[in-house]
Structure formats: C-alpha cells, structure tokens
mmCIF file of all heavy atoms, coordinates in Angstrom:
data_MODEL
# 
_entry.id   MODEL 
# 
loop_
_atom_site.group_PDB 
_atom_site.id 
_atom_site.type_symbol 
_atom_site.label_atom_id 
_atom_site.label_alt_id 
_atom_site.label_comp_id 
_atom_site.label_asym_id 
_atom_site.label_entity_id 
_atom_site.label_seq_id 
_atom_site.pdbx_PDB_ins_code 
_atom_site.Cartn_x 
_atom_site.Cartn_y 
_atom_site.Cartn_z 
_atom_site.occupancy 
_atom_site.B_iso_or_equiv 
_atom_site.pdbx_formal_charge 
_atom_site.auth_seq_id 
_atom_site.auth_comp_id 
_atom_site.auth_asym_id 
_atom_site.auth_atom_id 
_atom_site.pdbx_PDB_model_num 
ATOM 1   N N   . ALA A 1 1  ? 11.529  4.673   3.912  1.00 0.00 ? 1  ALA A N   1 
ATOM 2   C CA  . ALA A 1 1  ? 10.191  4.090   4.226  1.00 0.00 ? 1  ALA A CA  1 
ATOM 3   C C   . ALA A 1 1  ? 9.934   2.818   3.345  1.00 0.00 ? 1  ALA A C   1 
ATOM 4   O O   . ALA A 1 1  ? 8.978   2.158   3.624  1.00 0.00 ? 1  ALA A O   1 
ATOM 5   C CB  . ALA A 1 1  ? 9.127   5.109   3.974  1.00 0.00 ? 1  ALA A CB  1 
ATOM 6   N N   . GLY A 1 2  ? 10.811  2.550   2.396  1.00 0.00 ? 2  GLY A N   1 
ATOM 7   C CA  . GLY A 1 2  ? 10.571  1.397   1.507  1.00 0.00 ? 2  GLY A CA  1 
ATOM 8   C C   . GLY A 1 2  ? 10.616  1.766   0.098  1.00 0.00 ? 2  GLY A C   1 
ATOM 9   O O   . GLY A 1 2  ? 10.399  2.949   -0.269 1.00 0.00 ? 2  GLY A O   1 
ATOM 10  N N   . LYS A 1 3  ? 10.954  0.825   -0.772 1.00 0.00 ? 3  LYS A N   1 
ATOM 11  C CA  . LYS A 1 3  ? 10.966  1.051   -2.176 1.00 0.00 ? 3  LYS A CA  1 
ATOM 12  C C   . LYS A 1 3  ? 9.502   1.437   -2.699 1.00 0.00 ? 3  LYS A C   1 
ATOM 13  O O   . LYS A 1 3  ? 8.540   0.801   -2.256 1.00 0.00 ? 3  LYS A O   1 
ATOM 14  C CB  . LYS A 1 3  ? 11.478  -0.148  -2.958 1.00 0.00 ? 3  LYS A CB  1 
ATOM 15  C CG  . LYS A 1 3  ? 12.988  -0.465  -2.781 1.00 0.00 ? 3  LYS A CG  1 
ATOM 16  C CD  . LYS A 1 3  ? 13.384  -1.701  -3.525 1.00 0.00 ? 3  LYS A CD  1 
ATOM 17  C CE  . LYS A 1 3  ? 14.944  -1.909  -3.461 1.00 0.00 ? 3  LYS A CE  1 
ATOM 18  N NZ  . LYS A 1 3  ? 15.625  -0.967  -4.283 1.00 0.00 ? 3  LYS A NZ  1 
ATOM 19  N N   . PRO A 1 4  ? 9.395   2.378   -3.627 1.00 0.00 ? 4  PRO A N   1 
ATOM 20  C CA  . PRO A 1 4  ? 8.107   2.717   -4.102 1.00 0.00 ? 4  PRO A CA  1 
ATOM 21  C C   . PRO A 1 4  ? 7.269   1.607   -4.627 1.00 0.00 ? 4  PRO A C   1 
ATOM 22  O O   . PRO A 1 4  ? 6.054   1.518   -4.352 1.00 0.00 ? 4  PRO A O   1 
ATOM 23  C CB  . PRO A 1 4  ? 8.427   3.781   -5.190 1.00 0.00 ? 4  PRO A CB  1 
ATOM 24  C CG  . PRO A 1 4  ? 9.740   4.334   -4.773 1.00 0.00 ? 4  PRO A CG  1 
ATOM 25  C CD  . PRO A 1 4  ? 10.515  3.177   -4.242 1.00 0.00 ? 4  PRO A CD  1 
ATOM 26  N N   . GLU A 1 5  ? 7.869   0.633   -5.369 1.00 0.00 ? 5  GLU A N   1 
ATOM 27  C CA  . GLU A 1 5  ? 7.163   -0.421  -5.897 1.00 0.00 ? 5  GLU A CA  1 
ATOM 28  C C   . GLU A 1 5  ? 6.591   -1.404  -4.816 1.00 0.00 ? 5  GLU A C   1 
ATOM 29  O O   . GLU A 1 5  ? 5.577   -1.993  -5.011 1.00 0.00 ? 5  GLU A O   1 
ATOM 30  C CB  . GLU A 1 5  ? 7.996   -1.255  -6.922 1.00 0.00 ? 5  GLU A CB  1 
ATOM 31  C CG  . GLU A 1 5  ? 9.323   -1.827  -6.419 1.00 0.00 ? 5  GLU A CG  1 
ATOM 32  C CD  . GLU A 1 5  ? 10.519  -0.884  -6.623 1.00 0.00 ? 5  GLU A CD  1 
ATOM 33  O OE1 . GLU A 1 5  ? 10.383  0.403   -6.349 1.00 0.00 ? 5  GLU A OE1 1 
ATOM 34  O OE2 . GLU A 1 5  ? 11.525  -1.313  -7.155 1.00 0.00 ? 5  GLU A OE2 1 
ATOM 35  N N   . LEU A 1 6  ? 7.355   -1.484  -3.646 1.00 0.00 ? 6  LEU A N   1 
ATOM 36  C CA  . LEU A 1 6  ? 6.860   -2.365  -2.573 1.00 0.00 ? 6  LEU A CA  1 
ATOM 37  C C   . LEU A 1 6  ? 5.674   -1.596  -1.873 1.00 0.00 ? 6  LEU A C   1 
ATOM 38  O O   . LEU A 1 6  ? 4.749   -2.271  -1.460 1.00 0.00 ? 6  LEU A O   1 
ATOM 39  C CB  . LEU A 1 6  ? 8.027   -2.718  -1.625 1.00 0.00 ? 6  LEU A CB  1 
ATOM 40  C CG  . LEU A 1 6  ? 7.627   -3.508  -0.454 1.00 0.00 ? 6  LEU A CG  1 
ATOM 41  C CD1 . LEU A 1 6  ? 6.885   -4.798  -0.845 1.00 0.00 ? 6  LEU A CD1 1 
ATOM 42  C CD2 . LEU A 1 6  ? 8.840   -3.942  0.396  1.00 0.00 ? 6  LEU A CD2 1 
ATOM 43  N N   . LEU A 1 7  ? 5.903   -0.381  -1.633 1.00 0.00 ? 7  LEU A N   1 
ATOM 44  C CA  . LEU A 1 7  ? 4.796   0.369   -0.938 1.00 0.00 ? 7  LEU A CA  1 
ATOM 45  C C   . LEU A 1 7  ? 3.528   0.315   -1.767 1.00 0.00 ? 7  LEU A C   1 
ATOM 46  O O   . LEU A 1 7  ? 2.429   0.146   -1.247 1.00 0.00 ? 7  LEU A O   1 
ATOM 47  C CB  . LEU A 1 7  ? 5.236   1.867   -0.798 1.00 0.00 ? 7  LEU A CB  1 
ATOM 48  C CG  . LEU A 1 7  ? 6.483   2.133   0.091  1.00 0.00 ? 7  LEU A CG  1 
ATOM 49  C CD1 . LEU A 1 7  ? 6.819   3.543   0.076  1.00 0.00 ? 7  LEU A CD1 1 
ATOM 50  C CD2 . LEU A 1 7  ? 6.192   1.651   1.480  1.00 0.00 ? 7  LEU A CD2 1 
ATOM 51  N N   . GLU A 1 8  ? 3.629   0.367   -3.097 1.00 0.00 ? 8  GLU A N   1 
ATOM 52  C CA  . GLU A 1 8  ? 2.468   0.265   -3.964 1.00 0.00 ? 8  GLU A CA  1 
ATOM 53  C C   . GLU A 1 8  ? 1.882   -1.180  -3.901 1.00 0.00 ? 8  GLU A C   1 
ATOM 54  O O   . GLU A 1 8  ? 0.614   -1.303  -3.794 1.00 0.00 ? 8  GLU A O   1 
ATOM 55  C CB  . GLU A 1 8  ? 2.938   0.511   -5.398 1.00 0.00 ? 8  GLU A CB  1 
ATOM 56  C CG  . GLU A 1 8  ? 1.762   0.585   -6.473 1.00 0.00 ? 8  GLU A CG  1 
ATOM 57  C CD  . GLU A 1 8  ? 0.979   1.854   -6.308 1.00 0.00 ? 8  GLU A CD  1 
ATOM 58  O OE1 . GLU A 1 8  ? 1.487   2.909   -5.959 1.00 0.00 ? 8  GLU A OE1 1 
ATOM 59  O OE2 . GLU A 1 8  ? -0.284  1.709   -6.582 1.00 0.00 ? 8  GLU A OE2 1 
ATOM 60  N N   . ALA A 1 9  ? 2.789   -2.153  -3.812 1.00 0.00 ? 9  ALA A N   1 
ATOM 61  C CA  . ALA A 1 9  ? 2.312   -3.578  -3.785 1.00 0.00 ? 9  ALA A CA  1 
ATOM 62  C C   . ALA A 1 9  ? 1.511   -3.842  -2.440 1.00 0.00 ? 9  ALA A C   1 
ATOM 63  O O   . ALA A 1 9  ? 0.558   -4.485  -2.384 1.00 0.00 ? 9  ALA A O   1 
ATOM 64  C CB  . ALA A 1 9  ? 3.473   -4.500  -3.886 1.00 0.00 ? 9  ALA A CB  1 
ATOM 65  N N   . ILE A 1 10 ? 2.052   -3.326  -1.310 1.00 0.00 ? 10 ILE A N   1 
ATOM 66  C CA  . ILE A 1 10 ? 1.386   -3.454  -0.010 1.00 0.00 ? 10 ILE A CA  1 
ATOM 67  C C   . ILE A 1 10 ? 0.002   -2.705  -0.044 1.00 0.00 ? 10 ILE A C   1 
ATOM 68  O O   . ILE A 1 10 ? -0.974  -3.258  0.417  1.00 0.00 ? 10 ILE A O   1 
ATOM 69  C CB  . ILE A 1 10 ? 2.328   -2.929  1.114  1.00 0.00 ? 10 ILE A CB  1 
ATOM 70  C CG1 . ILE A 1 10 ? 3.566   -3.742  1.246  1.00 0.00 ? 10 ILE A CG1 1 
ATOM 71  C CG2 . ILE A 1 10 ? 1.559   -2.833  2.392  1.00 0.00 ? 10 ILE A CG2 1 
ATOM 72  C CD1 . ILE A 1 10 ? 4.628   -3.100  2.103  1.00 0.00 ? 10 ILE A CD1 1 
ATOM 73  N N   . SER A 1 11 ? 0.047   -1.513  -0.577 1.00 0.00 ? 11 SER A N   1 
ATOM 74  C CA  . SER A 1 11 ? -1.246  -0.750  -0.711 1.00 0.00 ? 11 SER A CA  1 
ATOM 75  C C   . SER A 1 11 ? -2.262  -1.559  -1.489 1.00 0.00 ? 11 SER A C   1 
ATOM 76  O O   . SER A 1 11 ? -3.452  -1.700  -1.073 1.00 0.00 ? 11 SER A O   1 
ATOM 77  C CB  . SER A 1 11 ? -0.998  0.587   -1.325 1.00 0.00 ? 11 SER A CB  1 
ATOM 78  O OG  . SER A 1 11 ? -2.170  1.295   -1.538 1.00 0.00 ? 11 SER A OG  1 
ATOM 79  N N   . ASN A 1 12 ? -1.845  -2.120  -2.586 1.00 0.00 ? 12 ASN A N   1 
ATOM 80  C CA  . ASN A 1 12 ? -2.849  -2.931  -3.496 1.00 0.00 ? 12 ASN A CA  1 
ATOM 81  C C   . ASN A 1 12 ? -3.264  -4.127  -2.704 1.00 0.00 ? 12 ASN A C   1 
ATOM 82  O O   . ASN A 1 12 ? -4.471  -4.527  -2.803 1.00 0.00 ? 12 ASN A O   1 
ATOM 83  C CB  . ASN A 1 12 ? -2.166  -3.290  -4.754 1.00 0.00 ? 12 ASN A CB  1 
ATOM 84  C CG  . ASN A 1 12 ? -1.919  -2.132  -5.624 1.00 0.00 ? 12 ASN A CG  1 
ATOM 85  O OD1 . ASN A 1 12 ? -2.559  -1.114  -5.557 1.00 0.00 ? 12 ASN A OD1 1 
ATOM 86  N ND2 . ASN A 1 12 ? -0.984  -2.267  -6.539 1.00 0.00 ? 12 ASN A ND2 1 
ATOM 87  N N   . TYR A 1 13 ? -2.382  -4.767  -1.990 1.00 0.00 ? 13 TYR A N   1 
ATOM 88  C CA  . TYR A 1 13 ? -2.703  -5.981  -1.267 1.00 0.00 ? 13 TYR A CA  1 
ATOM 89  C C   . TYR A 1 13 ? -3.837  -5.659  -0.181 1.00 0.00 ? 13 TYR A C   1 
ATOM 90  O O   . TYR A 1 13 ? -4.817  -6.368  -0.033 1.00 0.00 ? 13 TYR A O   1 
ATOM 91  C CB  . TYR A 1 13 ? -1.517  -6.567  -0.622 1.00 0.00 ? 13 TYR A CB  1 
ATOM 92  C CG  . TYR A 1 13 ? -1.806  -7.591  0.501  1.00 0.00 ? 13 TYR A CG  1 
ATOM 93  C CD1 . TYR A 1 13 ? -2.258  -8.868  0.170  1.00 0.00 ? 13 TYR A CD1 1 
ATOM 94  C CD2 . TYR A 1 13 ? -1.777  -7.316  1.865  1.00 0.00 ? 13 TYR A CD2 1 
ATOM 95  C CE1 . TYR A 1 13 ? -2.618  -9.858  1.139  1.00 0.00 ? 13 TYR A CE1 1 
ATOM 96  C CE2 . TYR A 1 13 ? -2.106  -8.167  2.821  1.00 0.00 ? 13 TYR A CE2 1 
ATOM 97  C CZ  . TYR A 1 13 ? -2.531  -9.417  2.491  1.00 0.00 ? 13 TYR A CZ  1 
ATOM 98  O OH  . TYR A 1 13 ? -2.958  -10.346 3.459  1.00 0.00 ? 13 TYR A OH  1 
ATOM 99  N N   . LEU A 1 14 ? -3.544  -4.624  0.591  1.00 0.00 ? 14 LEU A N   1 
ATOM 100 C CA  . LEU A 1 14 ? -4.578  -4.237  1.629  1.00 0.00 ? 14 LEU A CA  1 
ATOM 101 C C   . LEU A 1 14 ? -5.857  -3.766  1.113  1.00 0.00 ? 14 LEU A C   1 
ATOM 102 O O   . LEU A 1 14 ? -6.947  -4.038  1.615  1.00 0.00 ? 14 LEU A O   1 
ATOM 103 C CB  . LEU A 1 14 ? -3.943  -3.146  2.486  1.00 0.00 ? 14 LEU A CB  1 
ATOM 104 C CG  . LEU A 1 14 ? -2.700  -3.583  3.357  1.00 0.00 ? 14 LEU A CG  1 
ATOM 105 C CD1 . LEU A 1 14 ? -2.104  -2.454  4.090  1.00 0.00 ? 14 LEU A CD1 1 
ATOM 106 C CD2 . LEU A 1 14 ? -3.089  -4.640  4.357  1.00 0.00 ? 14 LEU A CD2 1 
ATOM 107 N N   . ASP A 1 15 ? -5.763  -3.170  -0.097 1.00 0.00 ? 15 ASP A N   1 
ATOM 108 C CA  . ASP A 1 15 ? -7.051  -2.761  -0.780 1.00 0.00 ? 15 ASP A CA  1 
ATOM 109 C C   . ASP A 1 15 ? -7.806  -4.005  -1.146 1.00 0.00 ? 15 ASP A C   1 
ATOM 110 O O   . ASP A 1 15 ? -9.104  -4.009  -0.868 1.00 0.00 ? 15 ASP A O   1 
ATOM 111 C CB  . ASP A 1 15 ? -6.684  -2.029  -2.114 1.00 0.00 ? 15 ASP A CB  1 
ATOM 112 C CG  . ASP A 1 15 ? -7.319  -0.662  -2.239 1.00 0.00 ? 15 ASP A CG  1 
ATOM 113 O OD1 . ASP A 1 15 ? -8.330  -0.492  -1.546 1.00 0.00 ? 15 ASP A OD1 1 
ATOM 114 O OD2 . ASP A 1 15 ? -6.731  0.206   -2.836 1.00 0.00 ? 15 ASP A OD2 1 
ATOM 115 N N   . CYS A 1 16 ? -7.218  -5.020  -1.577 1.00 0.00 ? 16 CYS A N   1 
ATOM 116 C CA  . CYS A 1 16 ? -7.928  -6.228  -2.071 1.00 0.00 ? 16 CYS A CA  1 
ATOM 117 C C   . CYS A 1 16 ? -8.318  -7.091  -0.867 1.00 0.00 ? 16 CYS A C   1 
ATOM 118 O O   . CYS A 1 16 ? -9.414  -7.728  -0.923 1.00 0.00 ? 16 CYS A O   1 
ATOM 119 C CB  . CYS A 1 16 ? -7.007  -7.075  -2.951 1.00 0.00 ? 16 CYS A CB  1 
ATOM 120 S SG  . CYS A 1 16 ? -6.707  -6.229  -4.508 1.00 0.00 ? 16 CYS A SG  1 
ATOM 121 N N   . SER A 1 17 ? -7.477  -7.242  0.130  1.00 0.00 ? 17 SER A N   1 
ATOM 122 C CA  . SER A 1 17 ? -7.749  -8.164  1.249  1.00 0.00 ? 17 SER A CA  1 
ATOM 123 C C   . SER A 1 17 ? -8.688  -7.666  2.347  1.00 0.00 ? 17 SER A C   1 
ATOM 124 O O   . SER A 1 17 ? -9.522  -8.402  2.826  1.00 0.00 ? 17 SER A O   1 
ATOM 125 C CB  . SER A 1 17 ? -6.373  -8.561  1.911  1.00 0.00 ? 17 SER A CB  1 
ATOM 126 O OG  . SER A 1 17 ? -5.771  -7.439  2.528  1.00 0.00 ? 17 SER A OG  1 
ATOM 127 N N   . ILE A 1 18 ? -8.637  -6.376  2.632  1.00 0.00 ? 18 ILE A N   1 
ATOM 128 C CA  . ILE A 1 18 ? -9.522  -5.832  3.668  1.00 0.00 ? 18 ILE A CA  1 
ATOM 129 C C   . ILE A 1 18 ? -10.356 -4.668  3.237  1.00 0.00 ? 18 ILE A C   1 
ATOM 130 O O   . ILE A 1 18 ? -11.173 -4.095  3.981  1.00 0.00 ? 18 ILE A O   1 
ATOM 131 C CB  . ILE A 1 18 ? -8.749  -5.483  5.011  1.00 0.00 ? 18 ILE A CB  1 
ATOM 132 C CG1 . ILE A 1 18 ? -7.748  -4.326  4.736  1.00 0.00 ? 18 ILE A CG1 1 
ATOM 133 C CG2 . ILE A 1 18 ? -8.042  -6.723  5.623  1.00 0.00 ? 18 ILE A CG2 1 
ATOM 134 C CD1 . ILE A 1 18 ? -7.107  -3.818  5.986  1.00 0.00 ? 18 ILE A CD1 1 
ATOM 135 N N   . GLY A 1 19 ? -10.143 -4.246  1.977  1.00 0.00 ? 19 GLY A N   1 
ATOM 136 C CA  . GLY A 1 19 ? -10.934 -3.157  1.434  1.00 0.00 ? 19 GLY A CA  1 
ATOM 137 C C   . GLY A 1 19 ? -10.655 -1.792  1.953  1.00 0.00 ? 19 GLY A C   1 
ATOM 138 O O   . GLY A 1 19 ? -11.534 -0.944  1.958  1.00 0.00 ? 19 GLY A O   1 
ATOM 139 N N   . VAL A 1 20 ? -9.397  -1.582  2.478  1.00 0.00 ? 20 VAL A N   1 
ATOM 140 C CA  . VAL A 1 20 ? -8.991  -0.326  2.970  1.00 0.00 ? 20 VAL A CA  1 
ATOM 141 C C   . VAL A 1 20 ? -7.883  0.248   2.121  1.00 0.00 ? 20 VAL A C   1 
ATOM 142 O O   . VAL A 1 20 ? -6.859  -0.529  1.995  1.00 0.00 ? 20 VAL A O   1 
ATOM 143 C CB  . VAL A 1 20 ? -8.643  -0.407  4.438  1.00 0.00 ? 20 VAL A CB  1 
ATOM 144 C CG1 . VAL A 1 20 ? -8.246  0.990   4.986  1.00 0.00 ? 20 VAL A CG1 1 
ATOM 145 C CG2 . VAL A 1 20 ? -9.818  -0.938  5.302  1.00 0.00 ? 20 VAL A CG2 1 
ATOM 146 N N   . HIS A 1 21 ? -7.982  1.450   1.736  1.00 0.00 ? 21 HIS A N   1 
ATOM 147 C CA  . HIS A 1 21 ? -6.873  2.053   0.889  1.00 0.00 ? 21 HIS A CA  1 
ATOM 148 C C   . HIS A 1 21 ? -5.908  2.863   1.777  1.00 0.00 ? 21 HIS A C   1 
ATOM 149 O O   . HIS A 1 21 ? -6.292  3.787   2.512  1.00 0.00 ? 21 HIS A O   1 
ATOM 150 C CB  . HIS A 1 21 ? -7.414  2.851   -0.197 1.00 0.00 ? 21 HIS A CB  1 
ATOM 151 C CG  . HIS A 1 21 ? -6.307  3.497   -1.050 1.00 0.00 ? 21 HIS A CG  1 
ATOM 152 N ND1 . HIS A 1 21 ? -5.624  2.792   -1.954 1.00 0.00 ? 21 HIS A ND1 1 
ATOM 153 C CD2 . HIS A 1 21 ? -5.859  4.782   -1.074 1.00 0.00 ? 21 HIS A CD2 1 
ATOM 154 C CE1 . HIS A 1 21 ? -4.696  3.584   -2.496 1.00 0.00 ? 21 HIS A CE1 1 
ATOM 155 N NE2 . HIS A 1 21 ? -4.823  4.818   -2.028 1.00 0.00 ? 21 HIS A NE2 1 
ATOM 156 N N   . TYR A 1 22 ? -4.608  2.507   1.691  1.00 0.00 ? 22 TYR A N   1 
ATOM 157 C CA  . TYR A 1 22 ? -3.634  3.241   2.298  1.00 0.00 ? 22 TYR A CA  1 
ATOM 158 C C   . TYR A 1 22 ? -2.692  3.883   1.163  1.00 0.00 ? 22 TYR A C   1 
ATOM 159 O O   . TYR A 1 22 ? -2.250  3.146   0.278  1.00 0.00 ? 22 TYR A O   1 
ATOM 160 C CB  . TYR A 1 22 ? -2.766  2.424   3.201  1.00 0.00 ? 22 TYR A CB  1 
ATOM 161 C CG  . TYR A 1 22 ? -3.423  2.020   4.485  1.00 0.00 ? 22 TYR A CG  1 
ATOM 162 C CD1 . TYR A 1 22 ? -4.059  0.771   4.592  1.00 0.00 ? 22 TYR A CD1 1 
ATOM 163 C CD2 . TYR A 1 22 ? -3.427  2.828   5.646  1.00 0.00 ? 22 TYR A CD2 1 
ATOM 164 C CE1 . TYR A 1 22 ? -4.702  0.315   5.734  1.00 0.00 ? 22 TYR A CE1 1 
ATOM 165 C CE2 . TYR A 1 22 ? -4.050  2.338   6.812  1.00 0.00 ? 22 TYR A CE2 1 
ATOM 166 C CZ  . TYR A 1 22 ? -4.694  1.218   6.859  1.00 0.00 ? 22 TYR A CZ  1 
ATOM 167 O OH  . TYR A 1 22 ? -5.332  0.833   8.005  1.00 0.00 ? 22 TYR A OH  1 
ATOM 168 N N   . ASP A 1 23 ? -2.440  5.143   1.295  1.00 0.00 ? 23 ASP A N   1 
ATOM 169 C CA  . ASP A 1 23 ? -1.680  5.856   0.321  1.00 0.00 ? 23 ASP A CA  1 
ATOM 170 C C   . ASP A 1 23 ? -0.165  5.415   0.392  1.00 0.00 ? 23 ASP A C   1 
ATOM 171 O O   . ASP A 1 23 ? 0.405   5.571   1.413  1.00 0.00 ? 23 ASP A O   1 
ATOM 172 C CB  . ASP A 1 23 ? -1.740  7.405   0.585  1.00 0.00 ? 23 ASP A CB  1 
ATOM 173 C CG  . ASP A 1 23 ? -0.981  8.208   -0.451 1.00 0.00 ? 23 ASP A CG  1 
ATOM 174 O OD1 . ASP A 1 23 ? -0.280  7.581   -1.284 1.00 0.00 ? 23 ASP A OD1 1 
ATOM 175 O OD2 . ASP A 1 23 ? -1.022  9.436   -0.382 1.00 0.00 ? 23 ASP A OD2 1 
ATOM 176 N N   . PRO A 1 24 ? 0.309   4.749   -0.622 1.00 0.00 ? 24 PRO A N   1 
ATOM 177 C CA  . PRO A 1 24 ? 1.730   4.249   -0.563 1.00 0.00 ? 24 PRO A CA  1 
ATOM 178 C C   . PRO A 1 24 ? 2.773   5.378   -0.347 1.00 0.00 ? 24 PRO A C   1 
ATOM 179 O O   . PRO A 1 24 ? 3.826   5.055   0.177  1.00 0.00 ? 24 PRO A O   1 
ATOM 180 C CB  . PRO A 1 24 ? 1.923   3.574   -1.908 1.00 0.00 ? 24 PRO A CB  1 
ATOM 181 C CG  . PRO A 1 24 ? 0.878   4.172   -2.777 1.00 0.00 ? 24 PRO A CG  1 
ATOM 182 C CD  . PRO A 1 24 ? -0.297  4.507   -1.940 1.00 0.00 ? 24 PRO A CD  1 
ATOM 183 N N   . LYS A 1 25 ? 2.403   6.553   -0.618 1.00 0.00 ? 25 LYS A N   1 
ATOM 184 C CA  . LYS A 1 25 ? 3.359   7.647   -0.505 1.00 0.00 ? 25 LYS A CA  1 
ATOM 185 C C   . LYS A 1 25 ? 3.418   8.199   0.874  1.00 0.00 ? 25 LYS A C   1 
ATOM 186 O O   . LYS A 1 25 ? 4.481   8.785   1.284  1.00 0.00 ? 25 LYS A O   1 
ATOM 187 C CB  . LYS A 1 25 ? 3.065   8.780   -1.489 1.00 0.00 ? 25 LYS A CB  1 
ATOM 188 C CG  . LYS A 1 25 ? 3.216   8.419   -2.960 1.00 0.00 ? 25 LYS A CG  1 
ATOM 189 C CD  . LYS A 1 25 ? 2.928   9.558   -3.855 1.00 0.00 ? 25 LYS A CD  1 
ATOM 190 C CE  . LYS A 1 25 ? 3.075   9.178   -5.350 1.00 0.00 ? 25 LYS A CE  1 
ATOM 191 N NZ  . LYS A 1 25 ? 2.739   10.344  -6.243 1.00 0.00 ? 25 LYS A NZ  1 
ATOM 192 N N   . SER A 1 26 ? 2.406   7.999   1.739  1.00 0.00 ? 26 SER A N   1 
ATOM 193 C CA  . SER A 1 26 ? 2.381   8.661   3.026  1.00 0.00 ? 26 SER A CA  1 
ATOM 194 C C   . SER A 1 26 ? 1.837   7.829   4.197  1.00 0.00 ? 26 SER A C   1 
ATOM 195 O O   . SER A 1 26 ? 1.865   8.223   5.281  1.00 0.00 ? 26 SER A O   1 
ATOM 196 C CB  . SER A 1 26 ? 1.540   9.949   2.887  1.00 0.00 ? 26 SER A CB  1 
ATOM 197 O OG  . SER A 1 26 ? 0.211   9.696   2.579  1.00 0.00 ? 26 SER A OG  1 
ATOM 198 N N   . GLU A 1 27 ? 1.305   6.593   3.936  1.00 0.00 ? 27 GLU A N   1 
ATOM 199 C CA  . GLU A 1 27 ? 0.634   5.850   4.915  1.00 0.00 ? 27 GLU A CA  1 
ATOM 200 C C   . GLU A 1 27 ? 1.112   4.416   5.156  1.00 0.00 ? 27 GLU A C   1 
ATOM 201 O O   . GLU A 1 27 ? 0.489   3.623   5.871  1.00 0.00 ? 27 GLU A O   1 
ATOM 202 C CB  . GLU A 1 27 ? -0.903  5.844   4.628  1.00 0.00 ? 27 GLU A CB  1 
ATOM 203 C CG  . GLU A 1 27 ? -1.499  7.222   4.653  1.00 0.00 ? 27 GLU A CG  1 
ATOM 204 C CD  . GLU A 1 27 ? -2.918  7.277   4.295  1.00 0.00 ? 27 GLU A CD  1 
ATOM 205 O OE1 . GLU A 1 27 ? -3.446  6.348   3.613  1.00 0.00 ? 27 GLU A OE1 1 
ATOM 206 O OE2 . GLU A 1 27 ? -3.592  8.253   4.655  1.00 0.00 ? 27 GLU A OE2 1 
ATOM 207 N N   . ILE A 1 28 ? 2.287   4.127   4.553  1.00 0.00 ? 28 ILE A N   1 
ATOM 208 C CA  . ILE A 1 28 ? 2.816   2.742   4.708  1.00 0.00 ? 28 ILE A CA  1 
ATOM 209 C C   . ILE A 1 28 ? 4.271   2.924   4.939  1.00 0.00 ? 28 ILE A C   1 
ATOM 210 O O   . ILE A 1 28 ? 5.031   3.744   4.412  1.00 0.00 ? 28 ILE A O   1 
ATOM 211 C CB  . ILE A 1 28 ? 2.609   1.904   3.481  1.00 0.00 ? 28 ILE A CB  1 
ATOM 212 C CG1 . ILE A 1 28 ? 1.109   1.693   3.231  1.00 0.00 ? 28 ILE A CG1 1 
ATOM 213 C CG2 . ILE A 1 28 ? 3.258   0.497   3.595  1.00 0.00 ? 28 ILE A CG2 1 
ATOM 214 C CD1 . ILE A 1 28 ? 0.765   1.058   1.914  1.00 0.00 ? 28 ILE A CD1 1 
# 
C-alpha cells in the first residue's frame, strides 16, 4: 500500500490542504 513514511506524509498533506484526516494505516 506504500511506505509508512509516505502514507504519513500524504495524510498530513490532506489534513493541511483540505482539513480531512485519513488514517495512513488504513485509508490511503
């Protein structure tokens, strides 16, 4: 599903850009 550090980075980006939190462990 992707490297953990990238999943975390994507989650943080979406949190900041659209204000929606996606769990990096199960939703990306």
